[in-house]
Amino acid sequence: MSALDTAKRWARGVKRDVVALWIAARDPRVPWYAKATAGAVAAYALSPVDLIPDFIPVIGYLDDLVIVPLGIMLAVKLVPGDLMQEFRDQAARRDKPVSKVGLAFMVAVWVLAALALLWLFWPKAA
């Protein structure tokens, strides 16, 4: 198996796990702390807007390559194993959802950052 095939298989597994975590965040059998973690990770991963935009060299892809996979690993460990397997099976049969909550959160972060910068650099009256 080539490195490219391995990378493609890993990427498919990550995508499946994100959808499985999205399902886990809505399941009543999952503990509240696992739901919160799974929901946050899925919302961020499924959001069409990143915290660090991809056009920023090097660090733009940092969240996609490091932060999201680490969040997925943490959330998967918190969800009971038998339930996680059930959610993975469901996720394999579903289309990838889009997180409107994740989008709203990222837009709010960017708006707050813009407002903070305006406040910081706005000329102050003496």
N, C-alpha and C. Protein backbone atom coordinates (compact mmCIF):
# COMPACT_ATOMS: atom_id res chain seq x y z
N MET A 1 0.85 -1.18 0.00
CA MET A 1 0.00 0.00 0.00
C MET A 1 0.90 1.24 0.00
N SER A 2 0.61 2.20 -0.87
CA SER A 2 1.44 3.39 -0.98
C SER A 2 1.09 4.40 0.12
N ALA A 3 1.97 5.36 0.28
CA ALA A 3 1.74 6.42 1.28
C ALA A 3 0.49 7.22 0.93
N LEU A 4 0.25 7.42 -0.36
CA LEU A 4 -0.94 8.16 -0.78
C LEU A 4 -2.21 7.39 -0.42
N ASP A 5 -2.22 6.09 -0.63
CA ASP A 5 -3.38 5.27 -0.25
C ASP A 5 -3.61 5.31 1.25
N THR A 6 -2.53 5.26 2.01
CA THR A 6 -2.64 5.32 3.47
C THR A 6 -3.21 6.67 3.90
N ALA A 7 -2.73 7.75 3.28
CA ALA A 7 -3.23 9.09 3.62
C ALA A 7 -4.71 9.24 3.27
N LYS A 8 -5.10 8.69 2.13
CA LYS A 8 -6.52 8.76 1.72
C LYS A 8 -7.40 7.99 2.69
N ARG A 9 -6.93 6.81 3.10
CA ARG A 9 -7.70 6.00 4.05
C ARG A 9 -7.82 6.72 5.40
N TRP A 10 -6.72 7.35 5.85
CA TRP A 10 -6.74 8.11 7.11
C TRP A 10 -7.72 9.28 7.01
N ALA A 11 -7.71 9.99 5.88
CA ALA A 11 -8.61 11.14 5.70
C ALA A 11 -10.07 10.69 5.69
N ARG A 12 -10.36 9.57 5.06
CA ARG A 12 -11.74 9.04 5.08
C ARG A 12 -12.17 8.69 6.50
N GLY A 13 -11.24 8.12 7.28
CA GLY A 13 -11.53 7.79 8.68
C GLY A 13 -11.80 9.02 9.52
N VAL A 14 -11.04 10.09 9.28
CA VAL A 14 -11.25 11.35 10.01
C VAL A 14 -12.62 11.92 9.66
N LYS A 15 -12.95 11.95 8.37
CA LYS A 15 -14.26 12.47 7.96
C LYS A 15 -15.40 11.65 8.57
N ARG A 16 -15.24 10.32 8.57
CA ARG A 16 -16.26 9.46 9.16
C ARG A 16 -16.39 9.72 10.65
N ASP A 17 -15.26 9.86 11.35
CA ASP A 17 -15.30 10.10 12.78
C ASP A 17 -15.93 11.44 13.14
N VAL A 18 -15.72 12.45 12.31
CA VAL A 18 -16.36 13.75 12.57
C VAL A 18 -17.88 13.61 12.51
N VAL A 19 -18.36 12.91 11.50
CA VAL A 19 -19.81 12.70 11.39
C VAL A 19 -20.30 11.83 12.55
N ALA A 20 -19.52 10.82 12.93
CA ALA A 20 -19.89 9.97 14.07
C ALA A 20 -19.96 10.79 15.35
N LEU A 21 -19.05 11.73 15.54
CA LEU A 21 -19.09 12.59 16.73
C LEU A 21 -20.29 13.53 16.68
N TRP A 22 -20.65 13.98 15.49
CA TRP A 22 -21.84 14.81 15.33
C TRP A 22 -23.08 14.02 15.77
N ILE A 23 -23.12 12.74 15.41
CA ILE A 23 -24.23 11.86 15.83
C ILE A 23 -24.16 11.64 17.34
N ALA A 24 -22.96 11.40 17.87
CA ALA A 24 -22.79 11.14 19.30
C ALA A 24 -23.25 12.32 20.15
N ALA A 25 -23.03 13.54 19.66
CA ALA A 25 -23.41 14.73 20.42
C ALA A 25 -24.92 14.85 20.59
N ARG A 26 -25.67 14.11 19.80
CA ARG A 26 -27.14 14.17 19.86
C ARG A 26 -27.77 12.93 20.47
N ASP A 27 -26.95 11.98 20.87
CA ASP A 27 -27.48 10.71 21.40
C ASP A 27 -27.61 10.77 22.92
N PRO A 28 -28.78 10.41 23.46
CA PRO A 28 -28.98 10.49 24.91
C PRO A 28 -28.16 9.47 25.71
N ARG A 29 -27.62 8.45 25.08
CA ARG A 29 -26.84 7.44 25.81
C ARG A 29 -25.40 7.88 26.08
N VAL A 30 -24.98 8.98 25.47
CA VAL A 30 -23.61 9.47 25.61
C VAL A 30 -23.54 10.39 26.83
N PRO A 31 -22.52 10.24 27.70
CA PRO A 31 -22.38 11.12 28.86
C PRO A 31 -22.26 12.59 28.44
N TRP A 32 -22.70 13.48 29.32
CA TRP A 32 -22.76 14.91 28.98
C TRP A 32 -21.40 15.48 28.59
N TYR A 33 -20.33 15.08 29.29
CA TYR A 33 -19.01 15.63 28.99
C TYR A 33 -18.51 15.15 27.62
N ALA A 34 -18.86 13.92 27.26
CA ALA A 34 -18.49 13.41 25.94
C ALA A 34 -19.32 14.10 24.87
N LYS A 35 -20.61 14.35 25.16
CA LYS A 35 -21.47 15.08 24.22
C LYS A 35 -20.93 16.47 23.96
N ALA A 36 -20.53 17.16 25.03
CA ALA A 36 -20.03 18.53 24.89
C ALA A 36 -18.75 18.55 24.04
N THR A 37 -17.84 17.63 24.33
CA THR A 37 -16.59 17.57 23.57
C THR A 37 -16.86 17.18 22.12
N ALA A 38 -17.67 16.14 21.93
CA ALA A 38 -17.99 15.68 20.57
C ALA A 38 -18.69 16.78 19.78
N GLY A 39 -19.62 17.47 20.42
CA GLY A 39 -20.34 18.55 19.74
C GLY A 39 -19.43 19.69 19.34
N ALA A 40 -18.52 20.07 20.24
CA ALA A 40 -17.60 21.17 19.94
C ALA A 40 -16.65 20.79 18.80
N VAL A 41 -16.10 19.59 18.87
CA VAL A 41 -15.17 19.14 17.82
C VAL A 41 -15.89 19.02 16.48
N ALA A 42 -17.07 18.42 16.49
CA ALA A 42 -17.82 18.26 15.23
C ALA A 42 -18.24 19.61 14.67
N ALA A 43 -18.69 20.52 15.53
CA ALA A 43 -19.11 21.85 15.05
C ALA A 43 -17.95 22.58 14.40
N TYR A 44 -16.78 22.51 15.02
CA TYR A 44 -15.61 23.18 14.45
C TYR A 44 -15.17 22.51 13.16
N ALA A 45 -15.10 21.19 13.17
CA ALA A 45 -14.62 20.46 11.99
C ALA A 45 -15.58 20.59 10.81
N LEU A 46 -16.87 20.68 11.08
CA LEU A 46 -17.87 20.77 10.01
C LEU A 46 -18.16 22.21 9.59
N SER A 47 -17.63 23.17 10.33
CA SER A 47 -17.85 24.57 9.99
C SER A 47 -17.12 24.92 8.70
N PRO A 48 -17.77 25.66 7.83
CA PRO A 48 -17.10 26.06 6.59
C PRO A 48 -16.05 27.16 6.81
N VAL A 49 -15.98 27.73 8.01
CA VAL A 49 -15.02 28.79 8.32
C VAL A 49 -14.05 28.27 9.37
N ASP A 50 -12.76 28.48 9.16
CA ASP A 50 -11.74 28.06 10.12
C ASP A 50 -11.38 29.20 11.06
N LEU A 51 -10.90 28.84 12.24
CA LEU A 51 -10.41 29.83 13.18
C LEU A 51 -9.19 30.54 12.59
N ILE A 52 -8.30 29.78 11.98
CA ILE A 52 -7.13 30.32 11.29
C ILE A 52 -7.35 30.05 9.81
N PRO A 53 -7.56 31.11 9.01
CA PRO A 53 -7.85 30.89 7.58
C PRO A 53 -6.72 30.15 6.88
N ASP A 54 -7.08 29.29 5.93
CA ASP A 54 -6.11 28.45 5.23
C ASP A 54 -5.14 29.25 4.36
N PHE A 55 -5.50 30.48 3.99
CA PHE A 55 -4.60 31.25 3.13
C PHE A 55 -3.39 31.81 3.88
N ILE A 56 -3.38 31.72 5.22
CA ILE A 56 -2.22 32.15 5.99
C ILE A 56 -1.17 31.04 5.90
N PRO A 57 0.03 31.36 5.38
CA PRO A 57 1.04 30.31 5.17
C PRO A 57 1.35 29.53 6.45
N VAL A 58 1.50 28.27 6.32
CA VAL A 58 1.87 27.28 7.34
C VAL A 58 0.82 27.17 8.43
N ILE A 59 0.61 28.22 9.23
CA ILE A 59 -0.32 28.08 10.37
C ILE A 59 -1.78 27.98 9.92
N GLY A 60 -2.06 28.35 8.68
CA GLY A 60 -3.41 28.24 8.16
C GLY A 60 -3.90 26.80 8.09
N TYR A 61 -2.95 25.89 7.88
CA TYR A 61 -3.30 24.47 7.82
C TYR A 61 -3.05 23.75 9.14
N LEU A 62 -2.51 24.47 10.12
CA LEU A 62 -2.20 23.88 11.41
C LEU A 62 -3.44 23.29 12.08
N ASP A 63 -4.56 24.02 12.03
CA ASP A 63 -5.77 23.50 12.66
C ASP A 63 -6.28 22.25 11.96
N ASP A 64 -6.17 22.22 10.63
CA ASP A 64 -6.64 21.04 9.89
C ASP A 64 -5.76 19.82 10.13
N LEU A 65 -4.47 20.05 10.33
CA LEU A 65 -3.53 18.94 10.46
C LEU A 65 -3.24 18.52 11.89
N VAL A 66 -3.45 19.42 12.85
CA VAL A 66 -3.11 19.11 14.24
C VAL A 66 -4.30 19.25 15.18
N ILE A 67 -4.91 20.42 15.20
CA ILE A 67 -5.95 20.70 16.19
C ILE A 67 -7.18 19.81 16.01
N VAL A 68 -7.68 19.71 14.78
CA VAL A 68 -8.88 18.89 14.55
C VAL A 68 -8.62 17.41 14.85
N PRO A 69 -7.53 16.80 14.34
CA PRO A 69 -7.30 15.39 14.68
C PRO A 69 -7.12 15.15 16.19
N LEU A 70 -6.43 16.06 16.89
CA LEU A 70 -6.29 15.89 18.34
C LEU A 70 -7.64 15.99 19.05
N GLY A 71 -8.48 16.92 18.61
CA GLY A 71 -9.83 17.03 19.17
C GLY A 71 -10.65 15.78 18.90
N ILE A 72 -10.53 15.23 17.71
CA ILE A 72 -11.26 14.01 17.36
C ILE A 72 -10.79 12.86 18.25
N MET A 73 -9.47 12.72 18.43
CA MET A 73 -8.95 11.63 19.27
C MET A 73 -9.46 11.75 20.70
N LEU A 74 -9.48 12.96 21.25
CA LEU A 74 -9.98 13.17 22.60
C LEU A 74 -11.45 12.80 22.69
N ALA A 75 -12.25 13.32 21.77
CA ALA A 75 -13.70 13.07 21.81
C ALA A 75 -14.01 11.58 21.63
N VAL A 76 -13.28 10.91 20.73
CA VAL A 76 -13.51 9.48 20.51
C VAL A 76 -13.22 8.69 21.78
N LYS A 77 -12.18 9.08 22.52
CA LYS A 77 -11.85 8.38 23.77
C LYS A 77 -12.91 8.59 24.84
N LEU A 78 -13.63 9.71 24.80
CA LEU A 78 -14.66 9.99 25.81
C LEU A 78 -15.98 9.27 25.54
N VAL A 79 -16.25 8.96 24.27
CA VAL A 79 -17.49 8.26 23.91
C VAL A 79 -17.28 6.77 24.16
N PRO A 80 -18.22 6.10 24.85
CA PRO A 80 -18.08 4.66 25.07
C PRO A 80 -17.84 3.91 23.75
N GLY A 81 -16.91 2.93 23.79
CA GLY A 81 -16.46 2.23 22.59
C GLY A 81 -17.56 1.58 21.76
N ASP A 82 -18.50 0.90 22.43
CA ASP A 82 -19.57 0.24 21.67
C ASP A 82 -20.46 1.26 20.97
N LEU A 83 -20.73 2.38 21.64
CA LEU A 83 -21.54 3.43 21.01
C LEU A 83 -20.78 4.08 19.86
N MET A 84 -19.48 4.30 20.05
CA MET A 84 -18.68 4.93 18.99
C MET A 84 -18.69 4.07 17.74
N GLN A 85 -18.60 2.76 17.90
CA GLN A 85 -18.65 1.87 16.73
C GLN A 85 -20.01 1.96 16.03
N GLU A 86 -21.07 2.04 16.82
CA GLU A 86 -22.42 2.19 16.25
C GLU A 86 -22.52 3.52 15.48
N PHE A 87 -21.98 4.58 16.06
CA PHE A 87 -22.03 5.89 15.39
C PHE A 87 -21.16 5.90 14.13
N ARG A 88 -20.04 5.20 14.16
CA ARG A 88 -19.19 5.11 12.96
C ARG A 88 -19.93 4.37 11.85
N ASP A 89 -20.64 3.32 12.20
CA ASP A 89 -21.42 2.58 11.20
C ASP A 89 -22.50 3.47 10.59
N GLN A 90 -23.18 4.25 11.44
CA GLN A 90 -24.20 5.19 10.95
C GLN A 90 -23.56 6.25 10.06
N ALA A 91 -22.40 6.76 10.50
CA ALA A 91 -21.73 7.83 9.76
C ALA A 91 -21.29 7.37 8.38
N ALA A 92 -20.91 6.11 8.25
CA ALA A 92 -20.47 5.59 6.95
C ALA A 92 -21.62 5.59 5.93
N ARG A 93 -22.85 5.58 6.42
CA ARG A 93 -24.01 5.55 5.53
C ARG A 93 -24.62 6.94 5.30
N ARG A 94 -24.09 7.97 5.96
CA ARG A 94 -24.67 9.31 5.87
C ARG A 94 -23.81 10.25 5.04
N ASP A 95 -24.44 11.32 4.58
CA ASP A 95 -23.69 12.41 3.95
C ASP A 95 -23.12 13.29 5.05
N LYS A 96 -22.06 14.00 4.72
CA LYS A 96 -21.43 14.89 5.69
C LYS A 96 -22.33 16.10 5.93
N PRO A 97 -22.73 16.34 7.19
CA PRO A 97 -23.53 17.53 7.49
C PRO A 97 -22.66 18.78 7.51
N VAL A 98 -23.30 19.93 7.53
CA VAL A 98 -22.60 21.20 7.66
C VAL A 98 -23.06 21.81 8.97
N SER A 99 -22.11 22.29 9.77
CA SER A 99 -22.45 22.83 11.08
C SER A 99 -22.75 24.33 10.99
N LYS A 100 -24.01 24.68 11.16
CA LYS A 100 -24.39 26.09 11.19
C LYS A 100 -23.97 26.72 12.52
N VAL A 101 -23.96 25.91 13.58
CA VAL A 101 -23.51 26.40 14.89
C VAL A 101 -22.01 26.71 14.82
N GLY A 102 -21.25 25.82 14.20
CA GLY A 102 -19.82 26.06 14.04
C GLY A 102 -19.56 27.31 13.20
N LEU A 103 -20.32 27.49 12.14
CA LEU A 103 -20.19 28.68 11.31
C LEU A 103 -20.49 29.93 12.13
N ALA A 104 -21.59 29.91 12.89
CA ALA A 104 -21.96 31.07 13.70
C ALA A 104 -20.88 31.38 14.74
N PHE A 105 -20.31 30.33 15.35
CA PHE A 105 -19.26 30.54 16.34
C PHE A 105 -18.03 31.17 15.71
N MET A 106 -17.60 30.66 14.55
CA MET A 106 -16.41 31.21 13.90
C MET A 106 -16.65 32.65 13.45
N VAL A 107 -17.84 32.95 12.94
CA VAL A 107 -18.16 34.32 12.55
C VAL A 107 -18.14 35.22 13.78
N ALA A 108 -18.69 34.75 14.89
CA ALA A 108 -18.67 35.54 16.12
C ALA A 108 -17.24 35.80 16.60
N VAL A 109 -16.38 34.79 16.52
CA VAL A 109 -14.97 34.97 16.92
C VAL A 109 -14.31 36.03 16.05
N TRP A 110 -14.53 35.98 14.74
CA TRP A 110 -13.91 36.95 13.84
C TRP A 110 -14.48 38.35 14.06
N VAL A 111 -15.77 38.47 14.32
CA VAL A 111 -16.37 39.78 14.59
C VAL A 111 -15.82 40.35 15.89
N LEU A 112 -15.73 39.52 16.93
CA LEU A 112 -15.17 39.99 18.20
C LEU A 112 -13.70 40.40 18.05
N ALA A 113 -12.95 39.64 17.28
CA ALA A 113 -11.54 39.99 17.04
C ALA A 113 -11.43 41.32 16.30
N ALA A 114 -12.28 41.52 15.31
CA ALA A 114 -12.27 42.79 14.57
C ALA A 114 -12.65 43.95 15.47
N LEU A 115 -13.66 43.76 16.32
CA LEU A 115 -14.06 44.82 17.26
C LEU A 115 -12.94 45.12 18.26
N ALA A 116 -12.27 44.09 18.74
CA ALA A 116 -11.16 44.29 19.69
C ALA A 116 -10.03 45.06 19.02
N LEU A 117 -9.72 44.73 17.78
CA LEU A 117 -8.67 45.46 17.07
C LEU A 117 -9.07 46.91 16.83
N LEU A 118 -10.32 47.14 16.47
CA LEU A 118 -10.80 48.52 16.30
C LEU A 118 -10.67 49.30 17.59
N TRP A 119 -11.10 48.71 18.68
CA TRP A 119 -11.02 49.37 19.98
C TRP A 119 -9.57 49.65 20.35
N LEU A 120 -8.70 48.69 20.09
CA LEU A 120 -7.29 48.82 20.45
C LEU A 120 -6.58 49.91 19.65
N PHE A 121 -6.88 49.99 18.36
CA PHE A 121 -6.16 50.92 17.50
C PHE A 121 -6.92 52.20 17.16
N TRP A 122 -8.13 52.36 17.63
CA TRP A 122 -8.90 53.56 17.37
C TRP A 122 -8.25 54.72 18.11
N PRO A 123 -8.08 55.85 17.46
CA PRO A 123 -7.45 57.00 18.13
C PRO A 123 -8.26 57.42 19.35
N LYS A 124 -7.58 57.58 20.45
CA LYS A 124 -8.23 57.96 21.71
C LYS A 124 -8.15 59.47 21.87
N ALA A 125 -9.22 60.05 22.35
CA ALA A 125 -9.23 61.49 22.62
C ALA A 125 -8.42 61.76 23.87
N ALA A 126 -7.58 62.75 23.83
CA ALA A 126 -6.70 63.03 24.96
C ALA A 126 -7.38 63.80 26.05
